[in-house]
Amino acid sequence: MSETDVTETPIDLHSSEYYINRELSHLQFNIRVLEQALDESHPLLDRLFFLCIFSQNLDEFYEVRVANLTQQLAFRREQAGADGMHPQQVLDEIHALCSQTVERQYAILNDTLLPALEQENIHFLRRGDWNEEQRKNGQCHHAIFGDPTDAHGPAGTYDVLNKYERHAAQCQGQYGHVTKMVGVPSAGIIG
């Protein structure tokens, strides 16, 4: 076969088949972060932290990316992206994917991580089980901090985790006591 027998089809770089939707790609990345919560090669509290990172990322995703798509619809400036998807199509995909993923997040927390933490003698007292004093103070055996300055540095450091309750877990391990701070979503995932 000679070079003249080969015909090359030119690639149309305007074709949507060569592009992936930016928002859906971002969401897929965040789902891979959530999957780290199931990876038993990570320490248990780190797995819980991956779950928290997923929650924070999802909050920011809705605050920025979903809000932008919603504004495009509201101002009737919707335009298909390079991937060929219109904003409403993207929002529909996001809704379907997030509905499944958030349900999975709850399952990972309640069915996998919390039981594993209990086996290590790390207990999260559900709000419904708090006594009157704990409800009044927002503290539970000094493990749940009502005031973010009690938990970690100056108040400014709390801004990043303002949607999370701060939890401290003190664990007895092979190398002595270890204290870890964990941000747990306060949006009703626990309790």
N, C-alpha and C. Protein backbone atom coordinates (compact mmCIF):
# COMPACT_ATOMS: atom_id res chain seq x y z
N MET A 1 0.85 -1.16 0.00
CA MET A 1 0.00 0.00 0.00
C MET A 1 0.90 1.24 0.00
N SER A 2 0.66 2.14 -0.89
CA SER A 2 1.47 3.35 -0.99
C SER A 2 0.80 4.47 -0.22
N GLU A 3 1.54 5.54 -0.02
CA GLU A 3 1.02 6.69 0.71
C GLU A 3 -0.18 7.31 0.01
N THR A 4 -0.24 7.20 -1.27
CA THR A 4 -1.35 7.80 -2.00
C THR A 4 -2.64 7.01 -1.83
N ASP A 5 -2.56 5.73 -1.41
CA ASP A 5 -3.76 4.92 -1.21
C ASP A 5 -4.47 5.24 0.12
N VAL A 6 -3.80 5.86 1.05
CA VAL A 6 -4.37 6.18 2.36
C VAL A 6 -5.06 7.54 2.28
N THR A 7 -6.33 7.54 2.59
CA THR A 7 -7.04 8.82 2.64
C THR A 7 -7.32 9.15 4.10
N GLU A 8 -6.92 10.32 4.46
CA GLU A 8 -7.15 10.77 5.82
C GLU A 8 -8.42 11.61 5.86
N THR A 9 -9.27 11.27 6.79
CA THR A 9 -10.47 12.05 6.98
C THR A 9 -10.12 13.21 7.91
N PRO A 10 -10.39 14.42 7.48
CA PRO A 10 -10.07 15.55 8.36
C PRO A 10 -10.94 15.52 9.62
N ILE A 11 -10.37 15.92 10.71
CA ILE A 11 -11.09 15.96 11.99
C ILE A 11 -11.78 17.31 12.10
N ASP A 12 -13.06 17.27 12.38
CA ASP A 12 -13.83 18.50 12.57
C ASP A 12 -13.79 18.86 14.06
N LEU A 13 -12.95 19.80 14.42
CA LEU A 13 -12.79 20.18 15.82
C LEU A 13 -14.00 20.92 16.37
N HIS A 14 -14.96 21.22 15.52
CA HIS A 14 -16.21 21.85 15.99
C HIS A 14 -17.26 20.81 16.35
N SER A 15 -16.96 19.56 16.09
CA SER A 15 -17.89 18.48 16.38
C SER A 15 -17.94 18.22 17.89
N SER A 16 -19.15 18.13 18.44
CA SER A 16 -19.32 17.95 19.88
C SER A 16 -18.84 16.58 20.37
N GLU A 17 -18.65 15.63 19.47
CA GLU A 17 -18.22 14.30 19.89
C GLU A 17 -16.82 14.29 20.50
N TYR A 18 -16.05 15.34 20.29
CA TYR A 18 -14.68 15.41 20.80
C TYR A 18 -14.59 16.13 22.15
N TYR A 19 -15.73 16.52 22.71
CA TYR A 19 -15.72 17.32 23.93
C TYR A 19 -16.55 16.67 25.04
N ILE A 20 -16.11 16.88 26.24
CA ILE A 20 -16.80 16.40 27.44
C ILE A 20 -17.32 17.63 28.17
N ASN A 21 -18.53 17.52 28.71
CA ASN A 21 -19.10 18.64 29.43
C ASN A 21 -18.27 18.95 30.68
N ARG A 22 -17.93 20.20 30.83
CA ARG A 22 -17.07 20.65 31.93
C ARG A 22 -17.68 20.36 33.29
N GLU A 23 -18.96 20.69 33.47
CA GLU A 23 -19.61 20.50 34.76
C GLU A 23 -19.73 19.01 35.11
N LEU A 24 -20.11 18.21 34.13
CA LEU A 24 -20.25 16.77 34.39
C LEU A 24 -18.89 16.12 34.65
N SER A 25 -17.85 16.61 34.00
CA SER A 25 -16.50 16.11 34.25
C SER A 25 -16.07 16.45 35.68
N HIS A 26 -16.37 17.68 36.11
CA HIS A 26 -16.05 18.11 37.47
C HIS A 26 -16.78 17.23 38.49
N LEU A 27 -18.03 16.94 38.20
CA LEU A 27 -18.83 16.11 39.09
C LEU A 27 -18.26 14.68 39.16
N GLN A 28 -17.82 14.15 38.04
CA GLN A 28 -17.22 12.81 38.02
C GLN A 28 -15.94 12.78 38.87
N PHE A 29 -15.16 13.85 38.80
CA PHE A 29 -13.96 13.94 39.64
C PHE A 29 -14.36 13.88 41.11
N ASN A 30 -15.39 14.64 41.47
CA ASN A 30 -15.82 14.67 42.86
C ASN A 30 -16.34 13.31 43.31
N ILE A 31 -16.96 12.57 42.42
CA ILE A 31 -17.41 11.22 42.76
C ILE A 31 -16.20 10.32 43.03
N ARG A 32 -15.12 10.53 42.31
CA ARG A 32 -13.90 9.75 42.58
C ARG A 32 -13.35 10.09 43.96
N VAL A 33 -13.53 11.32 44.42
CA VAL A 33 -13.13 11.69 45.78
C VAL A 33 -13.98 10.91 46.78
N LEU A 34 -15.29 10.84 46.53
CA LEU A 34 -16.18 10.09 47.41
C LEU A 34 -15.77 8.62 47.47
N GLU A 35 -15.36 8.06 46.36
CA GLU A 35 -14.96 6.65 46.32
C GLU A 35 -13.77 6.37 47.24
N GLN A 36 -12.95 7.39 47.50
CA GLN A 36 -11.82 7.21 48.41
C GLN A 36 -12.28 6.88 49.82
N ALA A 37 -13.52 7.27 50.16
CA ALA A 37 -14.06 6.95 51.48
C ALA A 37 -14.27 5.45 51.66
N LEU A 38 -14.30 4.72 50.56
CA LEU A 38 -14.47 3.26 50.62
C LEU A 38 -13.15 2.51 50.54
N ASP A 39 -12.08 3.21 50.27
CA ASP A 39 -10.77 2.58 50.08
C ASP A 39 -10.17 2.25 51.45
N GLU A 40 -10.17 0.98 51.79
CA GLU A 40 -9.70 0.54 53.10
C GLU A 40 -8.19 0.67 53.29
N SER A 41 -7.47 1.04 52.23
CA SER A 41 -6.03 1.27 52.40
C SER A 41 -5.77 2.63 53.07
N HIS A 42 -6.80 3.49 53.12
CA HIS A 42 -6.67 4.77 53.82
C HIS A 42 -7.05 4.58 55.29
N PRO A 43 -6.41 5.34 56.19
CA PRO A 43 -6.84 5.30 57.60
C PRO A 43 -8.32 5.69 57.71
N LEU A 44 -8.97 5.15 58.70
CA LEU A 44 -10.41 5.32 58.87
C LEU A 44 -10.85 6.78 58.95
N LEU A 45 -10.16 7.58 59.75
CA LEU A 45 -10.56 8.99 59.87
C LEU A 45 -10.29 9.75 58.58
N ASP A 46 -9.30 9.35 57.81
CA ASP A 46 -9.07 9.97 56.51
C ASP A 46 -10.21 9.63 55.56
N ARG A 47 -10.74 8.43 55.67
CA ARG A 47 -11.88 8.05 54.84
C ARG A 47 -13.09 8.91 55.15
N LEU A 48 -13.28 9.20 56.43
CA LEU A 48 -14.36 10.11 56.83
C LEU A 48 -14.10 11.50 56.27
N PHE A 49 -12.84 11.91 56.28
CA PHE A 49 -12.50 13.23 55.76
C PHE A 49 -12.76 13.30 54.25
N PHE A 50 -12.51 12.22 53.50
CA PHE A 50 -12.83 12.22 52.07
C PHE A 50 -14.32 12.45 51.87
N LEU A 51 -15.13 11.86 52.73
CA LEU A 51 -16.57 12.07 52.65
C LEU A 51 -16.91 13.54 52.87
N CYS A 52 -16.22 14.17 53.81
CA CYS A 52 -16.43 15.59 54.09
C CYS A 52 -15.96 16.47 52.92
N ILE A 53 -14.85 16.10 52.32
CA ILE A 53 -14.35 16.84 51.16
C ILE A 53 -15.37 16.76 50.03
N PHE A 54 -15.92 15.58 49.82
CA PHE A 54 -16.96 15.42 48.80
C PHE A 54 -18.12 16.38 49.08
N SER A 55 -18.56 16.44 50.32
CA SER A 55 -19.68 17.32 50.69
C SER A 55 -19.36 18.78 50.41
N GLN A 56 -18.19 19.19 50.82
CA GLN A 56 -17.79 20.58 50.61
C GLN A 56 -17.68 20.89 49.12
N ASN A 57 -17.08 19.99 48.36
CA ASN A 57 -16.96 20.19 46.92
C ASN A 57 -18.33 20.27 46.25
N LEU A 58 -19.25 19.43 46.69
CA LEU A 58 -20.59 19.43 46.11
C LEU A 58 -21.31 20.73 46.43
N ASP A 59 -21.15 21.24 47.66
CA ASP A 59 -21.73 22.54 48.02
C ASP A 59 -21.21 23.63 47.09
N GLU A 60 -19.90 23.67 46.92
CA GLU A 60 -19.29 24.70 46.06
C GLU A 60 -19.73 24.52 44.61
N PHE A 61 -19.85 23.28 44.17
CA PHE A 61 -20.30 22.99 42.81
C PHE A 61 -21.67 23.59 42.56
N TYR A 62 -22.58 23.40 43.50
CA TYR A 62 -23.93 23.97 43.35
C TYR A 62 -23.91 25.50 43.46
N GLU A 63 -23.11 26.01 44.37
CA GLU A 63 -23.06 27.46 44.57
C GLU A 63 -22.50 28.20 43.35
N VAL A 64 -21.59 27.56 42.62
CA VAL A 64 -20.94 28.24 41.50
C VAL A 64 -21.44 27.71 40.16
N ARG A 65 -21.23 26.45 39.89
CA ARG A 65 -21.49 25.92 38.55
C ARG A 65 -22.99 25.75 38.26
N VAL A 66 -23.72 25.19 39.19
CA VAL A 66 -25.16 25.02 38.97
C VAL A 66 -25.83 26.39 38.96
N ALA A 67 -25.38 27.29 39.82
CA ALA A 67 -25.94 28.65 39.82
C ALA A 67 -25.71 29.33 38.48
N ASN A 68 -24.55 29.14 37.89
CA ASN A 68 -24.25 29.73 36.58
C ASN A 68 -25.19 29.19 35.50
N LEU A 69 -25.41 27.88 35.50
CA LEU A 69 -26.32 27.28 34.52
C LEU A 69 -27.75 27.78 34.73
N THR A 70 -28.15 27.90 35.99
CA THR A 70 -29.49 28.38 36.30
C THR A 70 -29.66 29.83 35.85
N GLN A 71 -28.62 30.64 36.02
CA GLN A 71 -28.68 32.03 35.56
C GLN A 71 -28.81 32.10 34.04
N GLN A 72 -28.09 31.23 33.35
CA GLN A 72 -28.21 31.21 31.89
C GLN A 72 -29.66 30.97 31.48
N LEU A 73 -30.33 30.06 32.16
CA LEU A 73 -31.73 29.78 31.85
C LEU A 73 -32.62 30.95 32.22
N ALA A 74 -32.39 31.52 33.40
CA ALA A 74 -33.22 32.62 33.87
C ALA A 74 -33.14 33.84 32.96
N PHE A 75 -31.95 34.12 32.44
CA PHE A 75 -31.76 35.29 31.58
C PHE A 75 -31.90 34.95 30.10
N ARG A 76 -32.34 33.73 29.84
CA ARG A 76 -32.54 33.26 28.46
C ARG A 76 -31.31 33.46 27.59
N ARG A 77 -30.16 33.15 28.18
CA ARG A 77 -28.89 33.24 27.46
C ARG A 77 -28.26 31.86 27.31
N GLU A 78 -29.13 30.86 27.34
CA GLU A 78 -28.59 29.51 27.25
C GLU A 78 -28.00 29.28 25.86
N GLN A 79 -26.88 28.64 25.91
CA GLN A 79 -26.15 28.36 24.69
C GLN A 79 -25.50 27.00 24.84
N ALA A 80 -25.58 26.21 23.81
CA ALA A 80 -24.93 24.90 23.88
C ALA A 80 -23.43 25.08 23.98
N GLY A 81 -22.81 24.26 24.80
CA GLY A 81 -21.36 24.30 24.93
C GLY A 81 -20.71 23.54 23.80
N ALA A 82 -19.41 23.48 23.82
CA ALA A 82 -18.66 22.76 22.79
C ALA A 82 -19.06 21.29 22.75
N ASP A 83 -19.57 20.78 23.87
CA ASP A 83 -20.00 19.38 23.95
C ASP A 83 -21.38 19.16 23.34
N GLY A 84 -22.05 20.24 22.94
CA GLY A 84 -23.36 20.14 22.32
C GLY A 84 -24.52 20.12 23.30
N MET A 85 -24.25 20.18 24.60
CA MET A 85 -25.31 20.12 25.60
C MET A 85 -25.80 21.52 25.94
N HIS A 86 -27.12 21.67 26.02
CA HIS A 86 -27.72 22.92 26.45
C HIS A 86 -27.77 22.93 27.98
N PRO A 87 -27.81 24.11 28.60
CA PRO A 87 -27.81 24.18 30.07
C PRO A 87 -28.87 23.32 30.75
N GLN A 88 -30.09 23.26 30.20
CA GLN A 88 -31.12 22.45 30.84
C GLN A 88 -30.76 20.97 30.80
N GLN A 89 -30.16 20.53 29.72
CA GLN A 89 -29.72 19.13 29.63
C GLN A 89 -28.65 18.84 30.68
N VAL A 90 -27.74 19.78 30.84
CA VAL A 90 -26.67 19.61 31.83
C VAL A 90 -27.27 19.57 33.23
N LEU A 91 -28.20 20.48 33.53
CA LEU A 91 -28.84 20.48 34.84
C LEU A 91 -29.59 19.18 35.11
N ASP A 92 -30.25 18.65 34.08
CA ASP A 92 -30.96 17.38 34.24
C ASP A 92 -29.98 16.24 34.56
N GLU A 93 -28.86 16.23 33.87
CA GLU A 93 -27.82 15.21 34.12
C GLU A 93 -27.25 15.36 35.52
N ILE A 94 -26.98 16.60 35.92
CA ILE A 94 -26.44 16.87 37.25
C ILE A 94 -27.42 16.36 38.31
N HIS A 95 -28.69 16.68 38.13
CA HIS A 95 -29.70 16.27 39.12
C HIS A 95 -29.74 14.75 39.24
N ALA A 96 -29.77 14.06 38.11
CA ALA A 96 -29.83 12.60 38.14
C ALA A 96 -28.59 12.01 38.82
N LEU A 97 -27.42 12.52 38.46
CA LEU A 97 -26.17 12.01 39.01
C LEU A 97 -26.05 12.33 40.50
N CYS A 98 -26.41 13.54 40.89
CA CYS A 98 -26.28 13.94 42.30
C CYS A 98 -27.30 13.22 43.19
N SER A 99 -28.48 12.96 42.67
CA SER A 99 -29.47 12.23 43.47
C SER A 99 -28.92 10.87 43.87
N GLN A 100 -28.33 10.17 42.92
CA GLN A 100 -27.75 8.85 43.20
C GLN A 100 -26.53 8.98 44.11
N THR A 101 -25.69 9.97 43.84
CA THR A 101 -24.43 10.10 44.56
C THR A 101 -24.63 10.51 46.01
N VAL A 102 -25.55 11.42 46.26
CA VAL A 102 -25.80 11.84 47.65
C VAL A 102 -26.41 10.69 48.43
N GLU A 103 -27.26 9.90 47.79
CA GLU A 103 -27.79 8.71 48.46
C GLU A 103 -26.66 7.74 48.80
N ARG A 104 -25.73 7.61 47.88
CA ARG A 104 -24.55 6.76 48.11
C ARG A 104 -23.70 7.31 49.26
N GLN A 105 -23.57 8.64 49.33
CA GLN A 105 -22.81 9.27 50.40
C GLN A 105 -23.41 8.92 51.76
N TYR A 106 -24.73 9.02 51.88
CA TYR A 106 -25.41 8.66 53.13
C TYR A 106 -25.14 7.20 53.48
N ALA A 107 -25.22 6.34 52.48
CA ALA A 107 -25.00 4.90 52.72
C ALA A 107 -23.57 4.64 53.18
N ILE A 108 -22.61 5.30 52.56
CA ILE A 108 -21.21 5.12 52.96
C ILE A 108 -21.02 5.55 54.40
N LEU A 109 -21.59 6.69 54.74
CA LEU A 109 -21.44 7.18 56.11
C LEU A 109 -22.14 6.27 57.11
N ASN A 110 -23.42 6.03 56.90
CA ASN A 110 -24.22 5.32 57.89
C ASN A 110 -24.00 3.81 57.91
N ASP A 111 -23.72 3.22 56.76
CA ASP A 111 -23.60 1.76 56.69
C ASP A 111 -22.17 1.25 56.72
N THR A 112 -21.21 2.12 56.40
CA THR A 112 -19.82 1.67 56.33
C THR A 112 -18.94 2.38 57.36
N LEU A 113 -18.87 3.70 57.28
CA LEU A 113 -17.90 4.42 58.12
C LEU A 113 -18.29 4.47 59.59
N LEU A 114 -19.53 4.82 59.89
CA LEU A 114 -19.91 4.90 61.31
C LEU A 114 -19.77 3.55 62.02
N PRO A 115 -20.22 2.45 61.42
CA PRO A 115 -19.97 1.15 62.09
C PRO A 115 -18.48 0.83 62.24
N ALA A 116 -17.68 1.17 61.23
CA ALA A 116 -16.24 0.92 61.33
C ALA A 116 -15.61 1.77 62.43
N LEU A 117 -16.07 3.02 62.55
CA LEU A 117 -15.57 3.89 63.61
C LEU A 117 -15.95 3.34 64.99
N GLU A 118 -17.18 2.84 65.11
CA GLU A 118 -17.62 2.27 66.39
C GLU A 118 -16.77 1.05 66.77
N GLN A 119 -16.36 0.27 65.79
CA GLN A 119 -15.49 -0.88 66.07
C GLN A 119 -14.14 -0.43 66.63
N GLU A 120 -13.75 0.78 66.29
CA GLU A 120 -12.49 1.35 66.81
C GLU A 120 -12.74 2.19 68.06
N ASN A 121 -13.94 2.07 68.62
CA ASN A 121 -14.34 2.79 69.82
C ASN A 121 -14.39 4.31 69.59
N ILE A 122 -14.75 4.70 68.39
CA ILE A 122 -14.99 6.11 68.06
C ILE A 122 -16.49 6.23 67.80
N HIS A 123 -17.16 6.98 68.65
CA HIS A 123 -18.62 7.04 68.58
C HIS A 123 -19.08 8.46 68.28
N PHE A 124 -20.07 8.56 67.42
CA PHE A 124 -20.73 9.82 67.14
C PHE A 124 -22.10 9.74 67.77
N LEU A 125 -22.34 10.61 68.69
CA LEU A 125 -23.61 10.64 69.37
C LEU A 125 -24.58 11.44 68.50
N ARG A 126 -25.64 10.81 68.06
CA ARG A 126 -26.61 11.49 67.20
C ARG A 126 -27.34 12.56 67.99
N ARG A 127 -27.68 13.63 67.32
CA ARG A 127 -28.33 14.76 68.00
C ARG A 127 -29.58 14.32 68.76
N GLY A 128 -30.32 13.40 68.21
CA GLY A 128 -31.52 12.92 68.88
C GLY A 128 -31.24 12.22 70.19
N ASP A 129 -29.99 11.80 70.40
CA ASP A 129 -29.60 11.11 71.63
C ASP A 129 -28.92 12.03 72.64
N TRP A 130 -28.75 13.31 72.31
CA TRP A 130 -28.11 14.24 73.24
C TRP A 130 -29.03 14.47 74.44
N ASN A 131 -28.41 14.65 75.61
CA ASN A 131 -29.21 15.03 76.77
C ASN A 131 -29.39 16.55 76.76
N GLU A 132 -30.13 17.07 77.71
CA GLU A 132 -30.46 18.50 77.72
C GLU A 132 -29.21 19.38 77.80
N GLU A 133 -28.26 19.02 78.63
CA GLU A 133 -27.03 19.81 78.77
C GLU A 133 -26.23 19.82 77.46
N GLN A 134 -26.16 18.69 76.80
CA GLN A 134 -25.43 18.62 75.53
C GLN A 134 -26.12 19.48 74.46
N ARG A 135 -27.45 19.46 74.44
CA ARG A 135 -28.18 20.31 73.48
C ARG A 135 -27.92 21.78 73.79
N LYS A 136 -27.92 22.13 75.05
CA LYS A 136 -27.73 23.53 75.46
C LYS A 136 -26.34 24.02 75.07
N ASN A 137 -25.33 23.23 75.29
CA ASN A 137 -23.95 23.64 75.03
C ASN A 137 -23.49 23.32 73.62
N GLY A 138 -24.17 22.42 72.94
CA GLY A 138 -23.71 21.99 71.62
C GLY A 138 -22.42 21.20 71.71
N GLN A 139 -22.16 20.66 72.90
CA GLN A 139 -20.93 19.89 73.09
C GLN A 139 -21.28 18.51 73.61
N CYS A 140 -20.46 17.58 73.29
CA CYS A 140 -20.69 16.21 73.74
C CYS A 140 -19.37 15.65 74.22
N HIS A 141 -19.21 15.56 75.50
CA HIS A 141 -17.99 15.02 76.10
C HIS A 141 -16.75 15.70 75.53
N HIS A 142 -16.86 16.97 75.27
CA HIS A 142 -15.77 17.78 74.72
C HIS A 142 -15.29 17.25 73.37
N ALA A 143 -16.13 16.47 72.70
CA ALA A 143 -15.76 15.94 71.39
C ALA A 143 -16.40 16.75 70.27
N ILE A 144 -17.51 17.42 70.56
CA ILE A 144 -18.15 18.26 69.56
C ILE A 144 -18.04 19.70 70.04
N PHE A 145 -17.45 20.54 69.22
CA PHE A 145 -17.20 21.92 69.61
C PHE A 145 -18.27 22.83 69.04
N GLY A 146 -18.97 23.55 69.94
CA GLY A 146 -19.97 24.51 69.49
C GLY A 146 -19.32 25.77 68.97
N ASP A 147 -18.20 26.15 69.52
CA ASP A 147 -17.48 27.36 69.13
C ASP A 147 -16.26 26.94 68.32
N PRO A 148 -16.18 27.36 67.05
CA PRO A 148 -15.07 26.91 66.22
C PRO A 148 -13.71 27.31 66.74
N THR A 149 -13.62 28.37 67.55
CA THR A 149 -12.32 28.76 68.09
C THR A 149 -11.84 27.75 69.12
N ASP A 150 -12.78 27.04 69.76
CA ASP A 150 -12.38 25.98 70.68
C ASP A 150 -11.74 24.83 69.92
N ALA A 151 -12.23 24.61 68.72
CA ALA A 151 -11.81 23.44 67.96
C ALA A 151 -10.52 23.66 67.20
N HIS A 152 -10.35 24.85 66.63
CA HIS A 152 -9.21 24.99 65.73
C HIS A 152 -8.91 26.46 65.46
N GLY A 153 -7.90 26.96 66.07
CA GLY A 153 -7.35 28.27 65.74
C GLY A 153 -8.34 29.42 65.76
N PRO A 154 -7.97 30.53 65.11
CA PRO A 154 -8.81 31.71 65.10
C PRO A 154 -10.08 31.49 64.29
N ALA A 155 -11.07 32.33 64.55
CA ALA A 155 -12.38 32.16 63.91
C ALA A 155 -12.29 32.18 62.40
N GLY A 156 -11.35 32.89 61.83
CA GLY A 156 -11.22 32.98 60.38
C GLY A 156 -10.96 31.65 59.72
N THR A 157 -10.36 30.71 60.43
CA THR A 157 -10.08 29.41 59.83
C THR A 157 -11.35 28.57 59.72
N TYR A 158 -12.41 29.00 60.38
CA TYR A 158 -13.66 28.25 60.34
C TYR A 158 -14.47 28.54 59.08
N ASP A 159 -14.19 29.67 58.41
CA ASP A 159 -14.97 30.07 57.24
C ASP A 159 -15.01 28.99 56.18
N VAL A 160 -13.91 28.29 55.98
CA VAL A 160 -13.85 27.26 54.96
C VAL A 160 -14.80 26.11 55.30
N LEU A 161 -14.96 25.84 56.57
CA LEU A 161 -15.79 24.72 56.99
C LEU A 161 -17.07 25.17 57.68
N ASN A 162 -17.63 26.30 57.25
CA ASN A 162 -18.78 26.82 57.98
C ASN A 162 -20.03 25.97 57.83
N LYS A 163 -20.03 24.98 56.96
CA LYS A 163 -21.17 24.10 56.83
C LYS A 163 -20.95 22.80 57.57
N TYR A 164 -19.92 22.75 58.38
CA TYR A 164 -19.55 21.52 59.04
C TYR A 164 -19.48 21.72 60.55
N GLU A 165 -19.81 20.67 61.25
CA GLU A 165 -19.56 20.67 62.68
C GLU A 165 -18.16 20.13 62.88
N ARG A 166 -17.46 20.67 63.85
CA ARG A 166 -16.11 20.19 64.12
C ARG A 166 -16.18 19.08 65.16
N HIS A 167 -15.53 17.99 64.87
CA HIS A 167 -15.47 16.86 65.79
C HIS A 167 -14.01 16.53 66.06
N ALA A 168 -13.74 16.22 67.29
CA ALA A 168 -12.39 15.76 67.63
C ALA A 168 -12.52 14.31 68.08
N ALA A 169 -11.63 13.51 67.61
CA ALA A 169 -11.63 12.11 68.03
C ALA A 169 -10.26 11.81 68.61
N GLN A 170 -10.24 11.30 69.82
CA GLN A 170 -8.97 10.90 70.41
C GLN A 170 -8.93 9.39 70.40
N CYS A 171 -7.94 8.86 69.75
CA CYS A 171 -7.83 7.42 69.56
C CYS A 171 -6.59 6.89 70.24
N GLN A 172 -6.73 5.75 70.85
CA GLN A 172 -5.59 5.06 71.45
C GLN A 172 -5.11 4.06 70.42
N GLY A 173 -3.87 4.21 70.01
CA GLY A 173 -3.33 3.31 69.01
C GLY A 173 -1.98 2.77 69.42
N GLN A 174 -1.34 2.14 68.50
CA GLN A 174 -0.04 1.53 68.72
C GLN A 174 1.00 2.54 69.20
N TYR A 175 0.87 3.79 68.73
CA TYR A 175 1.86 4.82 69.06
C TYR A 175 1.34 5.82 70.08
N GLY A 176 0.33 5.46 70.83
CA GLY A 176 -0.20 6.36 71.86
C GLY A 176 -1.48 7.03 71.39
N HIS A 177 -1.82 8.13 72.06
CA HIS A 177 -3.05 8.85 71.74
C HIS A 177 -2.83 9.74 70.52
N VAL A 178 -3.80 9.75 69.65
CA VAL A 178 -3.79 10.63 68.48
C VAL A 178 -5.11 11.37 68.47
N THR A 179 -5.05 12.68 68.28
CA THR A 179 -6.27 13.47 68.17
C THR A 179 -6.37 13.99 66.75
N LYS A 180 -7.53 13.79 66.15
CA LYS A 180 -7.78 14.26 64.79
C LYS A 180 -9.00 15.16 64.82
N MET A 181 -8.96 16.23 64.03
CA MET A 181 -10.13 17.07 63.84
C MET A 181 -10.82 16.63 62.57
N VAL A 182 -12.14 16.54 62.62
CA VAL A 182 -12.90 16.11 61.47
C VAL A 182 -14.07 17.07 61.28
N GLY A 183 -14.28 17.51 60.05
CA GLY A 183 -15.45 18.31 59.74
C GLY A 183 -16.53 17.39 59.22
N VAL A 184 -17.68 17.36 59.90
CA VAL A 184 -18.77 16.51 59.49
C VAL A 184 -19.90 17.39 59.00
N PRO A 185 -20.43 17.11 57.81
CA PRO A 185 -21.51 17.95 57.27
C PRO A 185 -22.66 18.06 58.25
N SER A 186 -23.16 19.27 58.42
CA SER A 186 -24.23 19.49 59.38
C SER A 186 -25.58 19.53 58.71
N ALA A 187 -25.67 19.13 57.46
CA ALA A 187 -26.92 19.21 56.71
C ALA A 187 -27.84 18.02 56.93
N GLY A 188 -27.76 17.42 58.11
CA GLY A 188 -28.68 16.34 58.43
C GLY A 188 -28.21 14.96 58.02
N ILE A 189 -26.96 14.82 57.62
CA ILE A 189 -26.47 13.50 57.22
C ILE A 189 -26.40 12.59 58.43
N ILE A 190 -26.03 13.15 59.58
CA ILE A 190 -26.00 12.36 60.81
C ILE A 190 -27.12 12.89 61.68
N GLY A 191 -27.96 12.02 62.17
CA GLY A 191 -28.95 12.41 63.15
C GLY A 191 -30.17 12.96 62.61
